[in-house]
Amino acid sequence: SYQLSKCFFTIYTCRKPTIALVHGAAIGAAIG
């Protein structure tokens, strides 16, 4: 669980603009 939280935090704190391109489905923890 900690590794997943760290993954989200790494995305959130990226110093480059981050853009999610979403199609099909985004379910459960994929929302993170």
PDB file of all heavy atoms in Angstrom:
ATOM      1  N   SER A   1       0.834  -1.205   0.000  1.00  0.00           N
ATOM      2  CA  SER A   1       0.000   0.000   0.000  1.00  0.00           C
ATOM      3  C   SER A   1       0.864   1.248   0.000  1.00  0.00           C
ATOM      4  O   SER A   1       0.554   2.246  -0.675  1.00  0.00           O
ATOM      5  CB  SER A   1      -0.927   0.010   1.218  1.00  0.00           C
ATOM      6  OG  SER A   1      -1.832  -1.065   1.175  1.00  0.00           O
ATOM      7  N   TYR A   2       1.959   1.181   0.743  1.00  0.00           N
ATOM      8  CA  TYR A   2       2.885   2.319   0.810  1.00  0.00           C
ATOM      9  C   TYR A   2       3.524   2.570  -0.558  1.00  0.00           C
ATOM     10  O   TYR A   2       3.671   3.725  -0.977  1.00  0.00           O
ATOM     11  CB  TYR A   2       3.950   2.033   1.862  1.00  0.00           C
ATOM     12  CG  TYR A   2       5.002   3.111   2.005  1.00  0.00           C
ATOM     13  CD1 TYR A   2       4.665   4.406   2.392  1.00  0.00           C
ATOM     14  CD2 TYR A   2       6.344   2.832   1.748  1.00  0.00           C
ATOM     15  CE1 TYR A   2       5.632   5.392   2.508  1.00  0.00           C
ATOM     16  CE2 TYR A   2       7.314   3.812   1.874  1.00  0.00           C
ATOM     17  CZ  TYR A   2       6.955   5.092   2.247  1.00  0.00           C
ATOM     18  OH  TYR A   2       7.917   6.063   2.364  1.00  0.00           O
ATOM     19  N   GLN A   3       3.881   1.496  -1.267  1.00  0.00           N
ATOM     20  CA  GLN A   3       4.478   1.646  -2.589  1.00  0.00           C
ATOM     21  C   GLN A   3       3.493   2.293  -3.567  1.00  0.00           C
ATOM     22  O   GLN A   3       3.876   3.135  -4.384  1.00  0.00           O
ATOM     23  CB  GLN A   3       4.931   0.279  -3.131  1.00  0.00           C
ATOM     24  CG  GLN A   3       6.066  -0.380  -2.357  1.00  0.00           C
ATOM     25  CD  GLN A   3       7.319   0.473  -2.316  1.00  0.00           C
ATOM     26  OE1 GLN A   3       7.617   1.231  -3.241  1.00  0.00           O
ATOM     27  NE2 GLN A   3       8.085   0.347  -1.239  1.00  0.00           N
ATOM     28  N   LEU A   4       2.211   1.923  -3.471  1.00  0.00           N
ATOM     29  CA  LEU A   4       1.206   2.544  -4.335  1.00  0.00           C
ATOM     30  C   LEU A   4       1.055   4.025  -3.993  1.00  0.00           C
ATOM     31  O   LEU A   4       0.984   4.876  -4.889  1.00  0.00           O
ATOM     32  CB  LEU A   4      -0.131   1.817  -4.191  1.00  0.00           C
ATOM     33  CG  LEU A   4      -1.288   2.337  -5.050  1.00  0.00           C
ATOM     34  CD1 LEU A   4      -0.940   2.300  -6.529  1.00  0.00           C
ATOM     35  CD2 LEU A   4      -2.563   1.536  -4.776  1.00  0.00           C
ATOM     36  N   SER A   5       1.028   4.346  -2.711  1.00  0.00           N
ATOM     37  CA  SER A   5       0.935   5.747  -2.285  1.00  0.00           C
ATOM     38  C   SER A   5       2.137   6.546  -2.777  1.00  0.00           C
ATOM     39  O   SER A   5       1.994   7.696  -3.230  1.00  0.00           O
ATOM     40  CB  SER A   5       0.838   5.832  -0.760  1.00  0.00           C
ATOM     41  OG  SER A   5      -0.348   5.256  -0.293  1.00  0.00           O
ATOM     42  N   LYS A   6       3.320   5.955  -2.700  1.00  0.00           N
ATOM     43  CA  LYS A   6       4.538   6.615  -3.191  1.00  0.00           C
ATOM     44  C   LYS A   6       4.459   6.861  -4.692  1.00  0.00           C
ATOM     45  O   LYS A   6       4.923   7.889  -5.193  1.00  0.00           O
ATOM     46  CB  LYS A   6       5.770   5.771  -2.859  1.00  0.00           C
ATOM     47  CG  LYS A   6       6.281   5.928  -1.434  1.00  0.00           C
ATOM     48  CD  LYS A   6       7.472   5.032  -1.170  1.00  0.00           C
ATOM     49  CE  LYS A   6       8.647   5.337  -2.070  1.00  0.00           C
ATOM     50  NZ  LYS A   6       9.824   4.462  -1.760  1.00  0.00           N
ATOM     51  N   CYS A   7       3.879   5.910  -5.418  1.00  0.00           N
ATOM     52  CA  CYS A   7       3.730   6.055  -6.868  1.00  0.00           C
ATOM     53  C   CYS A   7       2.854   7.268  -7.186  1.00  0.00           C
ATOM     54  O   CYS A   7       3.223   8.107  -8.013  1.00  0.00           O
ATOM     55  CB  CYS A   7       3.130   4.780  -7.456  1.00  0.00           C
ATOM     56  SG  CYS A   7       2.893   4.830  -9.252  1.00  0.00           S
ATOM     57  N   PHE A   8       1.719   7.371  -6.522  1.00  0.00           N
ATOM     58  CA  PHE A   8       0.842   8.531  -6.741  1.00  0.00           C
ATOM     59  C   PHE A   8       1.565   9.829  -6.382  1.00  0.00           C
ATOM     60  O   PHE A   8       1.446  10.835  -7.090  1.00  0.00           O
ATOM     61  CB  PHE A   8      -0.433   8.408  -5.900  1.00  0.00           C
ATOM     62  CG  PHE A   8      -1.335   7.272  -6.286  1.00  0.00           C
ATOM     63  CD1 PHE A   8      -2.093   6.608  -5.325  1.00  0.00           C
ATOM     64  CD2 PHE A   8      -1.445   6.855  -7.601  1.00  0.00           C
ATOM     65  CE1 PHE A   8      -2.939   5.575  -5.668  1.00  0.00           C
ATOM     66  CE2 PHE A   8      -2.290   5.810  -7.970  1.00  0.00           C
ATOM     67  CZ  PHE A   8      -3.037   5.163  -6.987  1.00  0.00           C
ATOM     68  N   PHE A   9       2.310   9.818  -5.300  1.00  0.00           N
ATOM     69  CA  PHE A   9       3.023  11.024  -4.862  1.00  0.00           C
ATOM     70  C   PHE A   9       4.109  11.406  -5.866  1.00  0.00           C
ATOM     71  O   PHE A   9       4.348  12.594  -6.110  1.00  0.00           O
ATOM     72  CB  PHE A   9       3.634  10.802  -3.479  1.00  0.00           C
ATOM     73  CG  PHE A   9       4.215  12.048  -2.874  1.00  0.00           C
ATOM     74  CD1 PHE A   9       3.396  13.079  -2.434  1.00  0.00           C
ATOM     75  CD2 PHE A   9       5.588  12.194  -2.746  1.00  0.00           C
ATOM     76  CE1 PHE A   9       3.936  14.238  -1.880  1.00  0.00           C
ATOM     77  CE2 PHE A   9       6.140  13.339  -2.185  1.00  0.00           C
ATOM     78  CZ  PHE A   9       5.306  14.370  -1.756  1.00  0.00           C
ATOM     79  N   THR A  10       4.757  10.424  -6.465  1.00  0.00           N
ATOM     80  CA  THR A  10       5.782  10.690  -7.478  1.00  0.00           C
ATOM     81  C   THR A  10       5.169  11.377  -8.691  1.00  0.00           C
ATOM     82  O   THR A  10       5.753  12.313  -9.259  1.00  0.00           O
ATOM     83  CB  THR A  10       6.475   9.387  -7.905  1.00  0.00           C
ATOM     84  OG1 THR A  10       7.084   8.785  -6.761  1.00  0.00           O
ATOM     85  CG2 THR A  10       7.544   9.632  -8.960  1.00  0.00           C
ATOM     86  N   ILE A  11       3.983  10.938  -9.085  1.00  0.00           N
ATOM     87  CA  ILE A  11       3.276  11.599 -10.192  1.00  0.00           C
ATOM     88  C   ILE A  11       2.878  13.019  -9.779  1.00  0.00           C
ATOM     89  O   ILE A  11       3.107  13.983 -10.514  1.00  0.00           O
ATOM     90  CB  ILE A  11       2.024  10.789 -10.596  1.00  0.00           C
ATOM     91  CG1 ILE A  11       2.412   9.402 -11.112  1.00  0.00           C
ATOM     92  CG2 ILE A  11       1.207  11.549 -11.658  1.00  0.00           C
ATOM     93  CD1 ILE A  11       1.235   8.461 -11.311  1.00  0.00           C
ATOM     94  N   TYR A  12       2.312  13.135  -8.606  1.00  0.00           N
ATOM     95  CA  TYR A  12       1.780  14.415  -8.111  1.00  0.00           C
ATOM     96  C   TYR A  12       2.873  15.473  -7.968  1.00  0.00           C
ATOM     97  O   TYR A  12       2.620  16.664  -8.192  1.00  0.00           O
ATOM     98  CB  TYR A  12       1.094  14.170  -6.769  1.00  0.00           C
ATOM     99  CG  TYR A  12       0.422  15.377  -6.165  1.00  0.00           C
ATOM    100  CD1 TYR A  12      -0.742  15.900  -6.715  1.00  0.00           C
ATOM    101  CD2 TYR A  12       0.942  15.990  -5.024  1.00  0.00           C
ATOM    102  CE1 TYR A  12      -1.374  17.002  -6.157  1.00  0.00           C
ATOM    103  CE2 TYR A  12       0.320  17.091  -4.456  1.00  0.00           C
ATOM    104  CZ  TYR A  12      -0.837  17.589  -5.031  1.00  0.00           C
ATOM    105  OH  TYR A  12      -1.451  18.676  -4.467  1.00  0.00           O
ATOM    106  N   THR A  13       4.086  15.064  -7.616  1.00  0.00           N
ATOM    107  CA  THR A  13       5.176  16.008  -7.372  1.00  0.00           C
ATOM    108  C   THR A  13       6.123  16.161  -8.565  1.00  0.00           C
ATOM    109  O   THR A  13       7.150  16.829  -8.446  1.00  0.00           O
ATOM    110  CB  THR A  13       5.990  15.591  -6.131  1.00  0.00           C
ATOM    111  OG1 THR A  13       6.466  14.248  -6.298  1.00  0.00           O
ATOM    112  CG2 THR A  13       5.142  15.671  -4.872  1.00  0.00           C
ATOM    113  N   CYS A  14       5.790  15.549  -9.694  1.00  0.00           N
ATOM    114  CA  CYS A  14       6.624  15.700 -10.890  1.00  0.00           C
ATOM    115  C   CYS A  14       6.714  17.177 -11.262  1.00  0.00           C
ATOM    116  O   CYS A  14       5.714  17.898 -11.242  1.00  0.00           O
ATOM    117  CB  CYS A  14       6.019  14.901 -12.045  1.00  0.00           C
ATOM    118  SG  CYS A  14       7.008  14.946 -13.557  1.00  0.00           S
ATOM    119  N   ARG A  15       7.902  17.632 -11.603  1.00  0.00           N
ATOM    120  CA  ARG A  15       8.126  19.052 -11.888  1.00  0.00           C
ATOM    121  C   ARG A  15       7.801  19.408 -13.340  1.00  0.00           C
ATOM    122  O   ARG A  15       7.922  20.564 -13.736  1.00  0.00           O
ATOM    123  CB  ARG A  15       9.577  19.421 -11.555  1.00  0.00           C
ATOM    124  CG  ARG A  15       9.849  19.341 -10.052  1.00  0.00           C
ATOM    125  CD  ARG A  15      11.327  19.590  -9.736  1.00  0.00           C
ATOM    126  NE  ARG A  15      11.759  20.927 -10.089  1.00  0.00           N
ATOM    127  CZ  ARG A  15      11.587  22.002  -9.328  1.00  0.00           C
ATOM    128  NH1 ARG A  15      10.967  21.899  -8.168  1.00  0.00           N
ATOM    129  NH2 ARG A  15      12.035  23.183  -9.708  1.00  0.00           N
ATOM    130  N   LYS A  16       7.408  18.429 -14.126  1.00  0.00           N
ATOM    131  CA  LYS A  16       6.937  18.685 -15.488  1.00  0.00           C
ATOM    132  C   LYS A  16       5.403  18.607 -15.484  1.00  0.00           C
ATOM    133  O   LYS A  16       4.827  17.860 -14.698  1.00  0.00           O
ATOM    134  CB  LYS A  16       7.495  17.627 -16.454  1.00  0.00           C
ATOM    135  CG  LYS A  16       8.985  17.339 -16.321  1.00  0.00           C
ATOM    136  CD  LYS A  16       9.840  18.531 -16.675  1.00  0.00           C
ATOM    137  CE  LYS A  16      11.315  18.287 -16.366  1.00  0.00           C
ATOM    138  NZ  LYS A  16      11.962  17.339 -17.269  1.00  0.00           N
ATOM    139  N   PRO A  17       4.711  19.341 -16.341  1.00  0.00           N
ATOM    140  CA  PRO A  17       3.263  19.182 -16.438  1.00  0.00           C
ATOM    141  C   PRO A  17       2.899  17.732 -16.760  1.00  0.00           C
ATOM    142  O   PRO A  17       3.492  17.124 -17.658  1.00  0.00           O
ATOM    143  CB  PRO A  17       2.876  20.113 -17.590  1.00  0.00           C
ATOM    144  CG  PRO A  17       3.961  21.134 -17.634  1.00  0.00           C
ATOM    145  CD  PRO A  17       5.218  20.399 -17.250  1.00  0.00           C
ATOM    146  N   THR A  18       1.957  17.187 -16.009  1.00  0.00           N
ATOM    147  CA  THR A  18       1.540  15.803 -16.202  1.00  0.00           C
ATOM    148  C   THR A  18       0.089  15.787 -16.676  1.00  0.00           C
ATOM    149  O   THR A  18      -0.781  16.408 -16.060  1.00  0.00           O
ATOM    150  CB  THR A  18       1.674  14.997 -14.905  1.00  0.00           C
ATOM    151  OG1 THR A  18       0.982  15.670 -13.848  1.00  0.00           O
ATOM    152  CG2 THR A  18       3.142  14.854 -14.510  1.00  0.00           C
ATOM    153  N   ILE A  19      -0.155  15.069 -17.762  1.00  0.00           N
ATOM    154  CA  ILE A  19      -1.479  15.039 -18.373  1.00  0.00           C
ATOM    155  C   ILE A  19      -1.915  13.587 -18.539  1.00  0.00           C
ATOM    156  O   ILE A  19      -1.226  12.798 -19.194  1.00  0.00           O
ATOM    157  CB  ILE A  19      -1.490  15.739 -19.751  1.00  0.00           C
ATOM    158  CG1 ILE A  19      -0.967  17.171 -19.641  1.00  0.00           C
ATOM    159  CG2 ILE A  19      -2.893  15.723 -20.349  1.00  0.00           C
ATOM    160  CD1 ILE A  19       0.486  17.349 -20.036  1.00  0.00           C
ATOM    161  N   ALA A  20      -3.042  13.232 -17.947  1.00  0.00           N
ATOM    162  CA  ALA A  20      -3.614  11.901 -18.121  1.00  0.00           C
ATOM    163  C   ALA A  20      -4.563  11.922 -19.312  1.00  0.00           C
ATOM    164  O   ALA A  20      -5.432  12.791 -19.408  1.00  0.00           O
ATOM    165  CB  ALA A  20      -4.353  11.466 -16.863  1.00  0.00           C
ATOM    166  N   LEU A  21      -4.389  10.965 -20.224  1.00  0.00           N
ATOM    167  CA  LEU A  21      -5.272  10.794 -21.375  1.00  0.00           C
ATOM    168  C   LEU A  21      -6.055   9.509 -21.145  1.00  0.00           C
ATOM    169  O   LEU A  21      -5.499   8.412 -21.230  1.00  0.00           O
ATOM    170  CB  LEU A  21      -4.462  10.718 -22.671  1.00  0.00           C
ATOM    171  CG  LEU A  21      -3.504  11.895 -22.940  1.00  0.00           C
ATOM    172  CD1 LEU A  21      -2.730  11.658 -24.229  1.00  0.00           C
ATOM    173  CD2 LEU A  21      -4.260  13.214 -22.999  1.00  0.00           C
ATOM    174  N   VAL A  22      -7.334   9.643 -20.834  1.00  0.00           N
ATOM    175  CA  VAL A  22      -8.104   8.515 -20.304  1.00  0.00           C
ATOM    176  C   VAL A  22      -9.156   8.064 -21.310  1.00  0.00           C
ATOM    177  O   VAL A  22      -9.894   8.890 -21.861  1.00  0.00           O
ATOM    178  CB  VAL A  22      -8.783   8.913 -18.971  1.00  0.00           C
ATOM    179  CG1 VAL A  22      -9.437   7.698 -18.325  1.00  0.00           C
ATOM    180  CG2 VAL A  22      -7.764   9.540 -18.013  1.00  0.00           C
ATOM    181  N   HIS A  23      -9.224   6.757 -21.526  1.00  0.00           N
ATOM    182  CA  HIS A  23     -10.236   6.196 -22.427  1.00  0.00           C
ATOM    183  C   HIS A  23     -10.667   4.832 -21.891  1.00  0.00           C
ATOM    184  O   HIS A  23     -10.026   4.272 -21.002  1.00  0.00           O
ATOM    185  CB  HIS A  23      -9.667   6.047 -23.841  1.00  0.00           C
ATOM    186  CG  HIS A  23      -8.738   4.875 -23.997  1.00  0.00           C
ATOM    187  ND1 HIS A  23      -7.489   4.840 -23.416  1.00  0.00           N
ATOM    188  CD2 HIS A  23      -8.907   3.680 -24.635  1.00  0.00           C
ATOM    189  CE1 HIS A  23      -6.904   3.683 -23.707  1.00  0.00           C
ATOM    190  NE2 HIS A  23      -7.738   2.966 -24.434  1.00  0.00           N
ATOM    191  N   GLY A  24     -11.749   4.331 -22.413  1.00  0.00           N
ATOM    192  CA  GLY A  24     -12.183   2.982 -22.069  1.00  0.00           C
ATOM    193  C   GLY A  24     -12.755   2.881 -20.677  1.00  0.00           C
ATOM    194  O   GLY A  24     -13.967   2.957 -20.478  1.00  0.00           O
ATOM    195  N   ALA A  25     -11.882   2.723 -19.707  1.00  0.00           N
ATOM    196  CA  ALA A  25     -12.319   2.615 -18.312  1.00  0.00           C
ATOM    197  C   ALA A  25     -11.194   3.030 -17.377  1.00  0.00           C
ATOM    198  O   ALA A  25     -10.016   2.824 -17.660  1.00  0.00           O
ATOM    199  CB  ALA A  25     -12.746   1.174 -18.000  1.00  0.00           C
ATOM    200  N   ALA A  26     -11.585   3.633 -16.271  1.00  0.00           N
ATOM    201  CA  ALA A  26     -10.680   3.946 -15.153  1.00  0.00           C
ATOM    202  C   ALA A  26     -11.435   3.557 -13.891  1.00  0.00           C
ATOM    203  O   ALA A  26     -12.367   4.257 -13.480  1.00  0.00           O
ATOM    204  CB  ALA A  26     -10.297   5.414 -15.137  1.00  0.00           C
ATOM    205  N   ILE A  27     -11.046   2.441 -13.309  1.00  0.00           N
ATOM    206  CA  ILE A  27     -11.826   1.824 -12.246  1.00  0.00           C
ATOM    207  C   ILE A  27     -10.992   1.700 -10.974  1.00  0.00           C
ATOM    208  O   ILE A  27      -9.801   1.364 -11.022  1.00  0.00           O
ATOM    209  CB  ILE A  27     -12.320   0.427 -12.668  1.00  0.00           C
ATOM    210  CG1 ILE A  27     -13.082   0.486 -14.002  1.00  0.00           C
ATOM    211  CG2 ILE A  27     -13.183  -0.211 -11.580  1.00  0.00           C
ATOM    212  CD1 ILE A  27     -14.367   1.279 -13.961  1.00  0.00           C
ATOM    213  N   GLY A  28     -11.625   1.920  -9.817  1.00  0.00           N
ATOM    214  CA  GLY A  28     -10.970   1.694  -8.531  1.00  0.00           C
ATOM    215  C   GLY A  28      -9.735   2.558  -8.360  1.00  0.00           C
ATOM    216  O   GLY A  28      -9.752   3.768  -8.613  1.00  0.00           O
ATOM    217  N   ALA A  29      -8.650   1.916  -7.947  1.00  0.00           N
ATOM    218  CA  ALA A  29      -7.411   2.656  -7.667  1.00  0.00           C
ATOM    219  C   ALA A  29      -6.807   3.283  -8.908  1.00  0.00           C
ATOM    220  O   ALA A  29      -5.936   4.148  -8.798  1.00  0.00           O
ATOM    221  CB  ALA A  29      -6.396   1.746  -6.982  1.00  0.00           C
ATOM    222  N   ALA A  30      -7.264   2.891 -10.094  1.00  0.00           N
ATOM    223  CA  ALA A  30      -6.812   3.559 -11.326  1.00  0.00           C
ATOM    224  C   ALA A  30      -7.131   5.041 -11.297  1.00  0.00           C
ATOM    225  O   ALA A  30      -6.422   5.848 -11.912  1.00  0.00           O
ATOM    226  CB  ALA A  30      -7.466   2.915 -12.541  1.00  0.00           C
ATOM    227  N   ILE A  31      -8.181   5.415 -10.572  1.00  0.00           N
ATOM    228  CA  ILE A  31      -8.547   6.826 -10.437  1.00  0.00           C
ATOM    229  C   ILE A  31      -7.386   7.621  -9.848  1.00  0.00           C
ATOM    230  O   ILE A  31      -7.194   8.800 -10.167  1.00  0.00           O
ATOM    231  CB  ILE A  31      -9.791   6.977  -9.544  1.00  0.00           C
ATOM    232  CG1 ILE A  31     -11.001   6.255 -10.158  1.00  0.00           C
ATOM    233  CG2 ILE A  31     -10.108   8.442  -9.275  1.00  0.00           C
ATOM    234  CD1 ILE A  31     -11.564   6.864 -11.400  1.00  0.00           C
ATOM    235  N   GLY A  32      -6.585   6.990  -8.998  1.00  0.00           N
ATOM    236  CA  GLY A  32      -5.458   7.675  -8.384  1.00  0.00           C
ATOM    237  C   GLY A  32      -4.440   8.159  -9.396  1.00  0.00           C
ATOM    238  O   GLY A  32      -3.846   9.237  -9.225  1.00  0.00           O
TER     239      GLY A  32
END
